[in-house]
N, C-alpha and C. Protein backbone atom coordinates (compact mmCIF):
# COMPACT_ATOMS: atom_id res chain seq x y z
N MET A 1 -112.53 41.45 50.01
CA MET A 1 -111.41 41.73 49.12
C MET A 1 -111.91 41.88 47.69
N ALA A 2 -111.34 42.82 46.96
CA ALA A 2 -111.65 42.99 45.55
C ALA A 2 -110.66 42.19 44.71
N TYR A 3 -111.09 41.82 43.51
CA TYR A 3 -110.28 40.99 42.62
C TYR A 3 -110.22 41.66 41.25
N THR A 4 -109.03 41.62 40.64
CA THR A 4 -108.88 42.11 39.28
C THR A 4 -108.67 40.93 38.35
N VAL A 5 -109.58 40.77 37.41
CA VAL A 5 -109.60 39.61 36.52
C VAL A 5 -109.45 40.10 35.09
N LYS A 6 -108.42 39.62 34.42
CA LYS A 6 -108.19 40.00 33.04
C LYS A 6 -109.28 39.45 32.13
N GLU A 7 -109.62 38.17 32.32
CA GLU A 7 -110.63 37.53 31.48
C GLU A 7 -111.43 36.54 32.31
N LEU A 8 -112.69 36.42 31.98
CA LEU A 8 -113.59 35.42 32.55
C LEU A 8 -114.30 34.80 31.36
N PHE A 9 -114.03 33.52 31.08
CA PHE A 9 -114.56 32.92 29.86
C PHE A 9 -114.75 31.42 30.01
N TYR A 10 -115.57 30.88 29.13
CA TYR A 10 -115.92 29.45 29.13
C TYR A 10 -115.31 28.79 27.91
N THR A 11 -114.59 27.69 28.11
CA THR A 11 -113.95 26.98 27.00
C THR A 11 -113.59 25.57 27.47
N LEU A 12 -112.79 24.88 26.67
CA LEU A 12 -112.25 23.59 27.07
C LEU A 12 -110.85 23.79 27.64
N GLN A 13 -110.57 23.08 28.73
CA GLN A 13 -109.20 23.06 29.24
C GLN A 13 -108.31 22.48 28.15
N GLY A 14 -107.22 23.18 27.84
CA GLY A 14 -106.42 22.78 26.70
C GLY A 14 -105.21 21.92 27.00
N GLU A 15 -104.80 21.83 28.26
CA GLU A 15 -103.53 21.16 28.54
C GLU A 15 -103.56 20.48 29.90
N GLY A 16 -102.57 19.61 30.10
CA GLY A 16 -102.42 18.95 31.39
C GLY A 16 -103.41 17.83 31.63
N GLY A 17 -103.59 17.48 32.88
CA GLY A 17 -104.35 16.31 33.27
C GLY A 17 -105.84 16.40 33.05
N GLN A 18 -106.37 17.62 32.84
CA GLN A 18 -107.80 17.77 32.61
C GLN A 18 -108.09 18.29 31.20
N ALA A 19 -107.17 18.07 30.28
CA ALA A 19 -107.35 18.53 28.91
C ALA A 19 -108.64 17.97 28.32
N GLY A 20 -109.38 18.82 27.64
CA GLY A 20 -110.62 18.42 27.01
C GLY A 20 -111.85 18.65 27.85
N ARG A 21 -111.68 19.01 29.11
CA ARG A 21 -112.81 19.20 30.01
C ARG A 21 -113.32 20.64 29.92
N ALA A 22 -114.63 20.80 29.86
CA ALA A 22 -115.22 22.13 29.84
C ALA A 22 -114.96 22.84 31.17
N ALA A 23 -114.68 24.13 31.09
CA ALA A 23 -114.34 24.88 32.30
C ALA A 23 -114.61 26.36 32.11
N VAL A 24 -114.91 27.03 33.22
CA VAL A 24 -114.92 28.48 33.27
C VAL A 24 -113.55 28.92 33.77
N PHE A 25 -112.88 29.76 32.97
CA PHE A 25 -111.55 30.25 33.34
C PHE A 25 -111.66 31.62 33.98
N LEU A 26 -110.98 31.77 35.11
CA LEU A 26 -110.81 33.05 35.77
C LEU A 26 -109.33 33.40 35.63
N ARG A 27 -109.02 34.25 34.65
CA ARG A 27 -107.63 34.64 34.43
C ARG A 27 -107.37 35.92 35.20
N PHE A 28 -106.64 35.78 36.32
CA PHE A 28 -106.37 36.93 37.17
C PHE A 28 -105.28 37.81 36.59
N ALA A 29 -105.40 39.09 36.82
CA ALA A 29 -104.37 40.04 36.40
C ALA A 29 -103.19 39.96 37.35
N GLY A 30 -102.00 40.26 36.82
CA GLY A 30 -100.81 40.37 37.65
C GLY A 30 -100.02 39.09 37.80
N CYS A 31 -98.72 39.24 37.91
CA CYS A 31 -97.82 38.11 38.13
C CYS A 31 -96.59 38.61 38.88
N ASN A 32 -96.02 37.74 39.69
CA ASN A 32 -94.82 38.11 40.44
C ASN A 32 -93.53 37.78 39.70
N LEU A 33 -93.62 37.16 38.51
CA LEU A 33 -92.41 36.78 37.77
C LEU A 33 -92.21 37.60 36.50
N TRP A 34 -93.20 38.41 36.12
CA TRP A 34 -93.08 39.29 34.96
C TRP A 34 -94.19 40.33 35.04
N SER A 35 -93.88 41.55 34.66
CA SER A 35 -94.86 42.63 34.71
C SER A 35 -95.96 42.47 33.67
N GLY A 36 -95.70 41.70 32.62
CA GLY A 36 -96.63 41.59 31.51
C GLY A 36 -96.34 42.58 30.40
N ARG A 37 -95.39 43.49 30.62
CA ARG A 37 -95.01 44.47 29.60
C ARG A 37 -93.81 43.95 28.80
N GLU A 38 -93.89 44.04 27.48
CA GLU A 38 -92.82 43.50 26.63
C GLU A 38 -91.46 44.13 26.94
N GLU A 39 -91.45 45.39 27.31
CA GLU A 39 -90.17 46.05 27.59
C GLU A 39 -89.48 45.47 28.83
N ASP A 40 -90.22 44.74 29.64
CA ASP A 40 -89.64 44.14 30.85
C ASP A 40 -89.32 42.65 30.68
N ARG A 41 -89.67 42.07 29.53
CA ARG A 41 -89.56 40.62 29.38
C ARG A 41 -88.12 40.13 29.54
N ALA A 42 -87.15 40.82 28.94
CA ALA A 42 -85.76 40.35 28.95
C ALA A 42 -85.20 40.21 30.36
N GLY A 43 -85.67 41.03 31.29
CA GLY A 43 -85.16 40.97 32.65
C GLY A 43 -86.06 40.23 33.62
N ALA A 44 -87.10 39.58 33.10
CA ALA A 44 -88.08 38.92 33.97
C ALA A 44 -87.59 37.55 34.42
N ALA A 45 -88.13 37.08 35.55
CA ALA A 45 -87.82 35.73 36.01
C ALA A 45 -88.42 34.69 35.07
N CYS A 46 -89.57 34.99 34.49
CA CYS A 46 -90.19 34.14 33.47
C CYS A 46 -90.25 34.93 32.17
N ARG A 47 -89.52 34.48 31.16
CA ARG A 47 -89.38 35.25 29.93
C ARG A 47 -90.18 34.70 28.76
N PHE A 48 -90.87 33.57 28.96
CA PHE A 48 -91.53 32.94 27.81
C PHE A 48 -93.05 32.88 27.95
N CYS A 49 -93.61 33.63 28.87
CA CYS A 49 -95.06 33.63 29.06
C CYS A 49 -95.76 34.03 27.76
N ASP A 50 -96.85 33.33 27.43
CA ASP A 50 -97.58 33.59 26.20
C ASP A 50 -98.97 34.18 26.47
N THR A 51 -99.16 34.74 27.67
CA THR A 51 -100.49 35.16 28.10
C THR A 51 -100.53 36.65 28.41
N ASP A 52 -101.61 37.30 27.98
CA ASP A 52 -101.85 38.69 28.34
C ASP A 52 -102.65 38.73 29.64
N PHE A 53 -102.02 39.21 30.72
CA PHE A 53 -102.70 39.25 32.01
C PHE A 53 -102.69 40.65 32.61
N VAL A 54 -102.50 41.67 31.77
CA VAL A 54 -102.43 43.05 32.25
C VAL A 54 -103.80 43.70 32.15
N GLY A 55 -104.21 44.39 33.21
CA GLY A 55 -105.49 45.09 33.21
C GLY A 55 -106.65 44.17 33.51
N GLY A 56 -107.84 44.56 33.07
CA GLY A 56 -109.00 43.71 33.29
C GLY A 56 -110.10 44.41 34.05
N SER A 57 -111.03 43.60 34.55
CA SER A 57 -112.21 44.09 35.28
C SER A 57 -112.04 43.85 36.78
N ARG A 58 -112.63 44.73 37.55
CA ARG A 58 -112.53 44.63 39.01
C ARG A 58 -113.86 44.13 39.58
N TYR A 59 -113.78 43.14 40.45
CA TYR A 59 -114.94 42.58 41.14
C TYR A 59 -114.80 42.91 42.61
N GLY A 60 -115.85 43.48 43.18
CA GLY A 60 -115.75 44.04 44.52
C GLY A 60 -115.67 43.03 45.64
N ASP A 61 -116.17 41.81 45.40
CA ASP A 61 -116.12 40.80 46.46
C ASP A 61 -116.21 39.41 45.84
N ALA A 62 -115.98 38.41 46.67
CA ALA A 62 -115.91 37.02 46.19
C ALA A 62 -117.23 36.54 45.62
N GLU A 63 -118.33 36.89 46.27
CA GLU A 63 -119.64 36.41 45.81
C GLU A 63 -119.98 36.96 44.42
N THR A 64 -119.63 38.21 44.18
CA THR A 64 -119.91 38.81 42.88
C THR A 64 -119.13 38.10 41.78
N LEU A 65 -117.85 37.83 42.03
CA LEU A 65 -117.03 37.14 41.03
C LEU A 65 -117.51 35.71 40.82
N ALA A 66 -117.86 35.02 41.89
CA ALA A 66 -118.34 33.64 41.77
C ALA A 66 -119.64 33.56 40.99
N ARG A 67 -120.53 34.53 41.22
CA ARG A 67 -121.79 34.56 40.46
C ARG A 67 -121.54 34.83 38.98
N ALA A 68 -120.58 35.70 38.69
CA ALA A 68 -120.24 35.98 37.30
C ALA A 68 -119.68 34.73 36.62
N ALA A 69 -118.87 33.98 37.32
CA ALA A 69 -118.35 32.73 36.77
C ALA A 69 -119.47 31.73 36.55
N ALA A 70 -120.37 31.60 37.51
CA ALA A 70 -121.46 30.64 37.41
C ALA A 70 -122.39 30.96 36.25
N ALA A 71 -122.54 32.24 35.92
CA ALA A 71 -123.42 32.65 34.82
C ALA A 71 -122.91 32.14 33.47
N LEU A 72 -121.65 31.80 33.39
CA LEU A 72 -121.08 31.30 32.13
C LEU A 72 -121.25 29.80 31.96
N TRP A 73 -121.56 29.09 33.05
CA TRP A 73 -121.70 27.64 32.95
C TRP A 73 -123.04 27.30 32.30
N PRO A 74 -123.06 26.42 31.27
CA PRO A 74 -124.31 26.19 30.54
C PRO A 74 -125.29 25.26 31.23
N GLY A 75 -124.88 24.65 32.34
CA GLY A 75 -125.75 23.71 33.04
C GLY A 75 -125.33 22.28 32.77
N GLY A 76 -125.60 21.41 33.73
CA GLY A 76 -125.26 20.00 33.59
C GLY A 76 -123.80 19.73 33.87
N GLY A 77 -123.46 18.44 33.83
CA GLY A 77 -122.08 18.04 34.03
C GLY A 77 -121.58 18.36 35.42
N HIS A 78 -120.28 18.50 35.53
CA HIS A 78 -119.61 18.81 36.79
C HIS A 78 -118.87 20.12 36.61
N PRO A 79 -119.42 21.23 37.07
CA PRO A 79 -118.81 22.54 36.83
C PRO A 79 -117.37 22.63 37.35
N LEU A 80 -116.49 23.15 36.49
CA LEU A 80 -115.09 23.34 36.82
C LEU A 80 -114.71 24.79 36.62
N ALA A 81 -114.09 25.38 37.62
CA ALA A 81 -113.52 26.72 37.51
C ALA A 81 -112.00 26.58 37.54
N VAL A 82 -111.33 27.16 36.56
CA VAL A 82 -109.87 27.12 36.49
C VAL A 82 -109.35 28.53 36.79
N CYS A 83 -108.65 28.66 37.90
CA CYS A 83 -108.06 29.93 38.31
C CYS A 83 -106.63 29.99 37.79
N THR A 84 -106.36 30.96 36.92
CA THR A 84 -105.06 31.04 36.27
C THR A 84 -104.65 32.50 36.20
N GLY A 85 -103.64 32.81 35.44
CA GLY A 85 -103.17 34.18 35.37
C GLY A 85 -102.29 34.38 34.16
N GLY A 86 -101.25 35.21 34.34
CA GLY A 86 -100.66 35.71 35.56
C GLY A 86 -100.44 34.66 36.61
N GLU A 87 -100.40 35.13 37.84
CA GLU A 87 -100.26 34.25 38.99
C GLU A 87 -101.48 34.38 39.88
N PRO A 88 -102.38 33.38 39.86
CA PRO A 88 -103.62 33.48 40.63
C PRO A 88 -103.39 33.52 42.13
N GLY A 89 -102.28 32.96 42.60
CA GLY A 89 -102.03 32.94 44.03
C GLY A 89 -101.87 34.32 44.66
N LEU A 90 -101.66 35.33 43.84
CA LEU A 90 -101.56 36.70 44.36
C LEU A 90 -102.91 37.24 44.80
N GLN A 91 -104.02 36.68 44.28
CA GLN A 91 -105.35 37.19 44.61
C GLN A 91 -106.29 36.13 45.18
N LEU A 92 -106.16 34.90 44.72
CA LEU A 92 -107.07 33.84 45.14
C LEU A 92 -106.98 33.64 46.65
N ASP A 93 -108.13 33.67 47.33
CA ASP A 93 -108.15 33.54 48.79
C ASP A 93 -109.28 32.61 49.22
N ALA A 94 -109.34 32.36 50.52
CA ALA A 94 -110.32 31.42 51.06
C ALA A 94 -111.75 31.87 50.78
N ALA A 95 -112.00 33.17 50.79
CA ALA A 95 -113.36 33.66 50.53
C ALA A 95 -113.81 33.31 49.13
N LEU A 96 -112.93 33.45 48.15
CA LEU A 96 -113.30 33.13 46.78
C LEU A 96 -113.42 31.62 46.59
N VAL A 97 -112.55 30.85 47.23
CA VAL A 97 -112.69 29.39 47.18
C VAL A 97 -114.07 28.98 47.70
N ASP A 98 -114.46 29.53 48.83
CA ASP A 98 -115.76 29.20 49.41
C ASP A 98 -116.90 29.64 48.49
N ALA A 99 -116.77 30.82 47.89
CA ALA A 99 -117.83 31.33 47.03
C ALA A 99 -117.97 30.49 45.76
N LEU A 100 -116.86 30.07 45.17
CA LEU A 100 -116.92 29.22 43.98
C LEU A 100 -117.49 27.84 44.31
N HIS A 101 -117.07 27.28 45.45
CA HIS A 101 -117.67 26.02 45.89
C HIS A 101 -119.17 26.20 46.11
N GLY A 102 -119.57 27.34 46.64
CA GLY A 102 -120.98 27.60 46.88
C GLY A 102 -121.79 27.66 45.60
N GLN A 103 -121.13 27.96 44.49
CA GLN A 103 -121.80 27.97 43.18
C GLN A 103 -121.71 26.61 42.50
N GLY A 104 -121.18 25.62 43.20
CA GLY A 104 -121.14 24.25 42.68
C GLY A 104 -119.89 23.89 41.90
N PHE A 105 -118.89 24.77 41.89
CA PHE A 105 -117.69 24.52 41.11
C PHE A 105 -116.70 23.61 41.85
N GLU A 106 -116.08 22.73 41.09
CA GLU A 106 -114.79 22.16 41.46
C GLU A 106 -113.76 23.21 41.06
N ILE A 107 -112.73 23.40 41.89
CA ILE A 107 -111.79 24.50 41.64
C ILE A 107 -110.40 23.96 41.35
N ALA A 108 -109.91 24.33 40.16
CA ALA A 108 -108.53 24.02 39.78
C ALA A 108 -107.74 25.33 39.74
N VAL A 109 -106.45 25.23 40.02
CA VAL A 109 -105.58 26.41 39.95
C VAL A 109 -104.34 26.03 39.16
N GLU A 110 -103.88 26.98 38.33
CA GLU A 110 -102.64 26.84 37.58
C GLU A 110 -101.71 27.93 38.06
N SER A 111 -100.64 27.54 38.75
CA SER A 111 -99.78 28.47 39.46
C SER A 111 -98.31 28.22 39.13
N ASN A 112 -97.51 29.28 39.27
CA ASN A 112 -96.07 29.06 39.15
C ASN A 112 -95.47 28.47 40.43
N GLY A 113 -96.28 28.37 41.46
CA GLY A 113 -95.88 27.68 42.68
C GLY A 113 -95.01 28.46 43.63
N THR A 114 -94.79 29.75 43.36
CA THR A 114 -93.88 30.52 44.20
C THR A 114 -94.56 31.23 45.36
N VAL A 115 -95.89 31.24 45.37
CA VAL A 115 -96.63 31.85 46.49
C VAL A 115 -97.62 30.82 47.04
N ALA A 116 -97.87 30.91 48.34
CA ALA A 116 -98.78 29.96 48.98
C ALA A 116 -100.19 30.10 48.42
N LEU A 117 -100.89 28.98 48.37
CA LEU A 117 -102.27 28.95 47.89
C LEU A 117 -103.23 28.70 49.04
N PRO A 118 -104.47 29.15 48.94
CA PRO A 118 -105.43 28.94 50.02
C PRO A 118 -105.84 27.47 50.11
N PRO A 119 -106.32 27.05 51.27
CA PRO A 119 -106.81 25.67 51.40
C PRO A 119 -108.12 25.47 50.65
N GLY A 120 -108.46 24.20 50.41
CA GLY A 120 -109.75 23.87 49.84
C GLY A 120 -109.78 23.71 48.34
N LEU A 121 -108.64 23.88 47.66
CA LEU A 121 -108.60 23.73 46.21
C LEU A 121 -108.71 22.25 45.85
N ASP A 122 -109.38 21.96 44.74
CA ASP A 122 -109.62 20.57 44.34
C ASP A 122 -108.55 20.02 43.41
N TRP A 123 -107.89 20.90 42.67
CA TRP A 123 -106.87 20.46 41.71
C TRP A 123 -105.80 21.53 41.64
N ILE A 124 -104.59 21.18 42.04
CA ILE A 124 -103.47 22.12 42.02
C ILE A 124 -102.49 21.70 40.94
N CYS A 125 -102.25 22.61 39.99
CA CYS A 125 -101.24 22.42 38.96
C CYS A 125 -100.14 23.46 39.19
N VAL A 126 -98.91 23.00 39.35
CA VAL A 126 -97.76 23.88 39.53
C VAL A 126 -96.89 23.79 38.29
N SER A 127 -96.52 24.95 37.74
CA SER A 127 -95.64 25.02 36.58
C SER A 127 -94.36 25.76 36.98
N PRO A 128 -93.31 25.03 37.36
CA PRO A 128 -92.09 25.67 37.89
C PRO A 128 -91.36 26.50 36.83
N LYS A 129 -90.71 27.54 37.30
CA LYS A 129 -89.89 28.38 36.44
C LYS A 129 -88.46 28.40 36.97
N ALA A 130 -87.50 28.33 36.05
CA ALA A 130 -86.08 28.29 36.42
C ALA A 130 -85.72 29.50 37.27
N GLY A 131 -84.89 29.26 38.29
CA GLY A 131 -84.40 30.33 39.14
C GLY A 131 -85.35 30.76 40.22
N THR A 132 -86.48 30.07 40.38
CA THR A 132 -87.44 30.42 41.44
C THR A 132 -87.50 29.29 42.46
N ARG A 133 -88.04 29.61 43.61
CA ARG A 133 -88.17 28.63 44.69
C ARG A 133 -89.65 28.31 44.88
N LEU A 134 -89.96 27.02 44.94
CA LEU A 134 -91.35 26.60 45.08
C LEU A 134 -91.83 26.75 46.52
N ALA A 135 -92.98 27.42 46.67
CA ALA A 135 -93.67 27.45 47.96
C ALA A 135 -94.75 26.38 47.99
N VAL A 136 -95.19 25.93 46.81
CA VAL A 136 -96.21 24.88 46.69
C VAL A 136 -95.50 23.64 46.15
N THR A 137 -95.38 22.63 46.97
CA THR A 137 -94.56 21.47 46.61
C THR A 137 -95.35 20.17 46.56
N ALA A 138 -96.67 20.26 46.49
CA ALA A 138 -97.51 19.07 46.37
C ALA A 138 -98.78 19.47 45.65
N GLY A 139 -99.40 18.49 44.98
CA GLY A 139 -100.65 18.77 44.30
C GLY A 139 -101.01 17.65 43.35
N GLU A 140 -101.93 17.95 42.45
CA GLU A 140 -102.39 16.95 41.49
C GLU A 140 -101.45 16.83 40.30
N GLU A 141 -100.92 17.96 39.81
CA GLU A 141 -100.01 17.85 38.68
C GLU A 141 -98.90 18.90 38.75
N LEU A 142 -97.74 18.47 38.31
CA LEU A 142 -96.62 19.37 38.07
C LEU A 142 -96.42 19.38 36.56
N LYS A 143 -96.52 20.57 35.97
CA LYS A 143 -96.44 20.71 34.51
C LYS A 143 -95.25 21.60 34.19
N LEU A 144 -94.21 21.00 33.67
CA LEU A 144 -92.98 21.72 33.39
C LEU A 144 -92.93 22.09 31.91
N VAL A 145 -92.95 23.40 31.64
CA VAL A 145 -92.73 23.89 30.28
C VAL A 145 -91.24 23.76 30.01
N TRP A 146 -90.89 23.07 28.92
CA TRP A 146 -89.50 22.63 28.75
C TRP A 146 -89.12 22.64 27.28
N PRO A 147 -87.85 22.89 26.95
CA PRO A 147 -86.74 23.10 27.86
C PRO A 147 -86.69 24.52 28.44
N GLN A 148 -86.11 24.60 29.63
CA GLN A 148 -85.77 25.87 30.27
C GLN A 148 -84.32 25.77 30.72
N ASP A 149 -83.53 26.78 30.45
CA ASP A 149 -82.15 26.80 30.92
C ASP A 149 -82.13 26.78 32.44
N GLY A 150 -81.31 25.90 33.00
CA GLY A 150 -81.13 25.88 34.44
C GLY A 150 -82.17 25.10 35.21
N ILE A 151 -82.96 24.28 34.51
CA ILE A 151 -83.98 23.50 35.21
C ILE A 151 -84.03 22.11 34.57
N ALA A 152 -84.02 21.08 35.40
CA ALA A 152 -83.99 19.71 34.92
C ALA A 152 -85.21 18.95 35.44
N PRO A 153 -85.93 18.24 34.58
CA PRO A 153 -87.14 17.53 35.02
C PRO A 153 -86.90 16.59 36.19
N GLU A 154 -85.77 15.91 36.21
CA GLU A 154 -85.56 14.88 37.24
C GLU A 154 -85.53 15.44 38.65
N THR A 155 -85.32 16.75 38.79
CA THR A 155 -85.27 17.32 40.14
C THR A 155 -86.64 17.38 40.81
N PHE A 156 -87.73 17.14 40.04
CA PHE A 156 -89.08 17.31 40.59
C PHE A 156 -89.77 16.00 40.95
N LEU A 157 -89.27 14.88 40.48
CA LEU A 157 -89.99 13.62 40.67
C LEU A 157 -90.10 13.21 42.13
N ARG A 158 -89.27 13.76 42.99
CA ARG A 158 -89.36 13.42 44.42
C ARG A 158 -90.54 14.11 45.10
N LEU A 159 -91.11 15.09 44.45
CA LEU A 159 -92.21 15.85 45.06
C LEU A 159 -93.52 15.07 44.96
N PRO A 160 -94.41 15.22 45.95
CA PRO A 160 -95.67 14.44 45.97
C PRO A 160 -96.77 15.04 45.09
N PHE A 161 -96.55 14.96 43.77
CA PHE A 161 -97.60 15.28 42.81
C PHE A 161 -98.10 13.97 42.20
N ARG A 162 -99.38 13.93 41.82
CA ARG A 162 -99.96 12.71 41.24
C ARG A 162 -99.53 12.51 39.80
N HIS A 163 -99.33 13.60 39.06
CA HIS A 163 -98.99 13.51 37.65
C HIS A 163 -97.84 14.47 37.35
N PHE A 164 -96.98 14.05 36.42
CA PHE A 164 -95.86 14.88 35.98
C PHE A 164 -95.94 15.02 34.46
N PHE A 165 -96.05 16.28 33.99
CA PHE A 165 -96.20 16.56 32.57
C PHE A 165 -95.03 17.40 32.08
N LEU A 166 -94.54 17.07 30.88
CA LEU A 166 -93.63 17.95 30.15
C LEU A 166 -94.42 18.58 29.02
N GLN A 167 -94.31 19.88 28.89
CA GLN A 167 -95.02 20.61 27.85
C GLN A 167 -94.02 21.39 27.01
N PRO A 168 -93.97 21.15 25.69
CA PRO A 168 -93.00 21.85 24.85
C PRO A 168 -93.15 23.37 24.95
N ARG A 169 -92.03 24.04 25.09
CA ARG A 169 -92.04 25.50 25.21
C ARG A 169 -92.20 26.13 23.84
N ASP A 170 -93.20 27.00 23.71
CA ASP A 170 -93.43 27.71 22.46
C ASP A 170 -92.18 28.47 22.03
N GLY A 171 -91.83 28.33 20.76
CA GLY A 171 -90.72 29.10 20.23
C GLY A 171 -89.34 28.50 20.45
N ALA A 172 -89.26 27.44 21.22
CA ALA A 172 -87.97 26.80 21.47
C ALA A 172 -87.73 25.73 20.40
N ALA A 173 -86.64 25.86 19.66
CA ALA A 173 -86.35 24.94 18.57
C ALA A 173 -86.22 23.52 19.10
N GLY A 174 -86.95 22.59 18.48
CA GLY A 174 -86.85 21.19 18.84
C GLY A 174 -87.52 20.81 20.14
N ALA A 175 -88.31 21.72 20.71
CA ALA A 175 -88.89 21.46 22.04
C ALA A 175 -89.83 20.26 22.02
N ARG A 176 -90.67 20.16 20.99
CA ARG A 176 -91.63 19.06 20.96
C ARG A 176 -90.93 17.71 20.87
N ASP A 177 -89.94 17.60 19.98
CA ASP A 177 -89.21 16.35 19.84
C ASP A 177 -88.45 16.01 21.13
N ALA A 178 -87.88 17.03 21.76
CA ALA A 178 -87.14 16.80 23.01
C ALA A 178 -88.06 16.29 24.10
N CYS A 179 -89.26 16.85 24.19
CA CYS A 179 -90.21 16.40 25.21
C CYS A 179 -90.70 14.99 24.94
N VAL A 180 -90.97 14.68 23.68
CA VAL A 180 -91.39 13.32 23.32
C VAL A 180 -90.30 12.33 23.71
N GLU A 181 -89.07 12.63 23.34
CA GLU A 181 -87.97 11.72 23.65
C GLU A 181 -87.78 11.56 25.15
N TYR A 182 -87.90 12.67 25.88
CA TYR A 182 -87.71 12.58 27.34
C TYR A 182 -88.80 11.72 27.97
N CYS A 183 -90.03 11.88 27.54
CA CYS A 183 -91.12 11.07 28.10
C CYS A 183 -90.95 9.59 27.76
N LEU A 184 -90.42 9.30 26.59
CA LEU A 184 -90.19 7.91 26.21
C LEU A 184 -89.08 7.27 27.05
N THR A 185 -88.06 8.05 27.38
CA THR A 185 -86.94 7.50 28.14
C THR A 185 -87.10 7.68 29.64
N HIS A 186 -88.07 8.48 30.06
CA HIS A 186 -88.36 8.70 31.48
C HIS A 186 -89.88 8.57 31.68
N PRO A 187 -90.39 7.34 31.73
CA PRO A 187 -91.85 7.14 31.69
C PRO A 187 -92.61 7.59 32.93
N GLY A 188 -91.94 8.18 33.89
CA GLY A 188 -92.66 8.85 34.97
C GLY A 188 -93.30 10.15 34.52
N TRP A 189 -92.90 10.61 33.33
CA TRP A 189 -93.42 11.86 32.77
C TRP A 189 -94.39 11.57 31.65
N ARG A 190 -95.38 12.45 31.50
CA ARG A 190 -96.34 12.39 30.40
C ARG A 190 -96.23 13.66 29.58
N LEU A 191 -96.57 13.55 28.29
CA LEU A 191 -96.51 14.70 27.40
C LEU A 191 -97.81 15.50 27.49
N SER A 192 -97.67 16.82 27.61
CA SER A 192 -98.82 17.73 27.56
C SER A 192 -98.66 18.64 26.36
N LEU A 193 -99.67 18.69 25.51
CA LEU A 193 -99.68 19.61 24.39
C LEU A 193 -100.76 20.66 24.60
N GLN A 194 -100.56 21.84 24.07
CA GLN A 194 -101.54 22.91 24.20
C GLN A 194 -102.60 22.72 23.12
N THR A 195 -103.55 21.83 23.41
CA THR A 195 -104.53 21.45 22.40
C THR A 195 -105.43 22.61 22.01
N HIS A 196 -105.61 23.59 22.89
CA HIS A 196 -106.43 24.75 22.53
C HIS A 196 -105.78 25.55 21.40
N LYS A 197 -104.45 25.57 21.37
CA LYS A 197 -103.75 26.26 20.27
C LYS A 197 -103.84 25.43 18.99
N ILE A 198 -103.71 24.11 19.12
CA ILE A 198 -103.84 23.23 17.96
C ILE A 198 -105.22 23.35 17.33
N LEU A 199 -106.26 23.46 18.20
CA LEU A 199 -107.63 23.53 17.71
C LEU A 199 -108.07 24.95 17.36
N GLY A 200 -107.29 25.93 17.80
CA GLY A 200 -107.64 27.32 17.51
C GLY A 200 -108.80 27.83 18.32
N ILE A 201 -108.92 27.38 19.59
CA ILE A 201 -109.95 27.88 20.48
C ILE A 201 -109.32 28.68 21.60
N ALA A 202 -110.13 29.41 22.35
CA ALA A 202 -109.62 30.26 23.43
C ALA A 202 -108.93 29.45 24.51
C-alpha cells in the first residue's frame, strides 16, 4: 500500500499524556471529518481543526516510509513515532505498524476515533468530535478539545481509557478558564495545553 504524508518531522510532543517527549511525527494527508479546504469548513463535521493536512509526499510502501521516519531520529533514548493527521486511521495499517516497530519505534496515534485502527499500536489517543460516533472506544488517552457544542465531558468517563484530558479549543472565548475550572471540579480529568504553540516550535 502507498501512503500520502503531508509532513514527516522531528520535534517534541506538545500535548496530552506524552507532552515533552521527543518524537518523529507522521502527519498523514486526508480526513473524514473535513476536506481541509477553508471553503468547506462551515459544513464540516469538525470545524475547528488547526492543521494543514492537504497534499504531501507519496511513499510507495511501508518499509520506505518507516526508513524515512527512522532517518529523522537522532539516536539514543526510546524512539517514538506519532501518527497523526488529518485522520491517520484512513491510511495507517498493519504493514506500517510492523515496519515502524521494525525500525525500533514505539507507535502512538492521534485519531478522531471514528474509524477502526490496526492492532499493535502502543499508545492510542482519541479526540472525539461532536456529532460523530466513536469506533475506537478504548486506549491510553481520551483528549477532548473543549468546549464543543453538543458534547459533554462526562459522557466519556465510562470508557476504558487510562487518561482523560481536556484541552482548550483555540479561538473559543474563555476556553482555557472553562477547562481549568472543569478539571478542578471533576478531578477525573487533567488539563492538556498545546505547549508546542506556547513554545513556538513545530
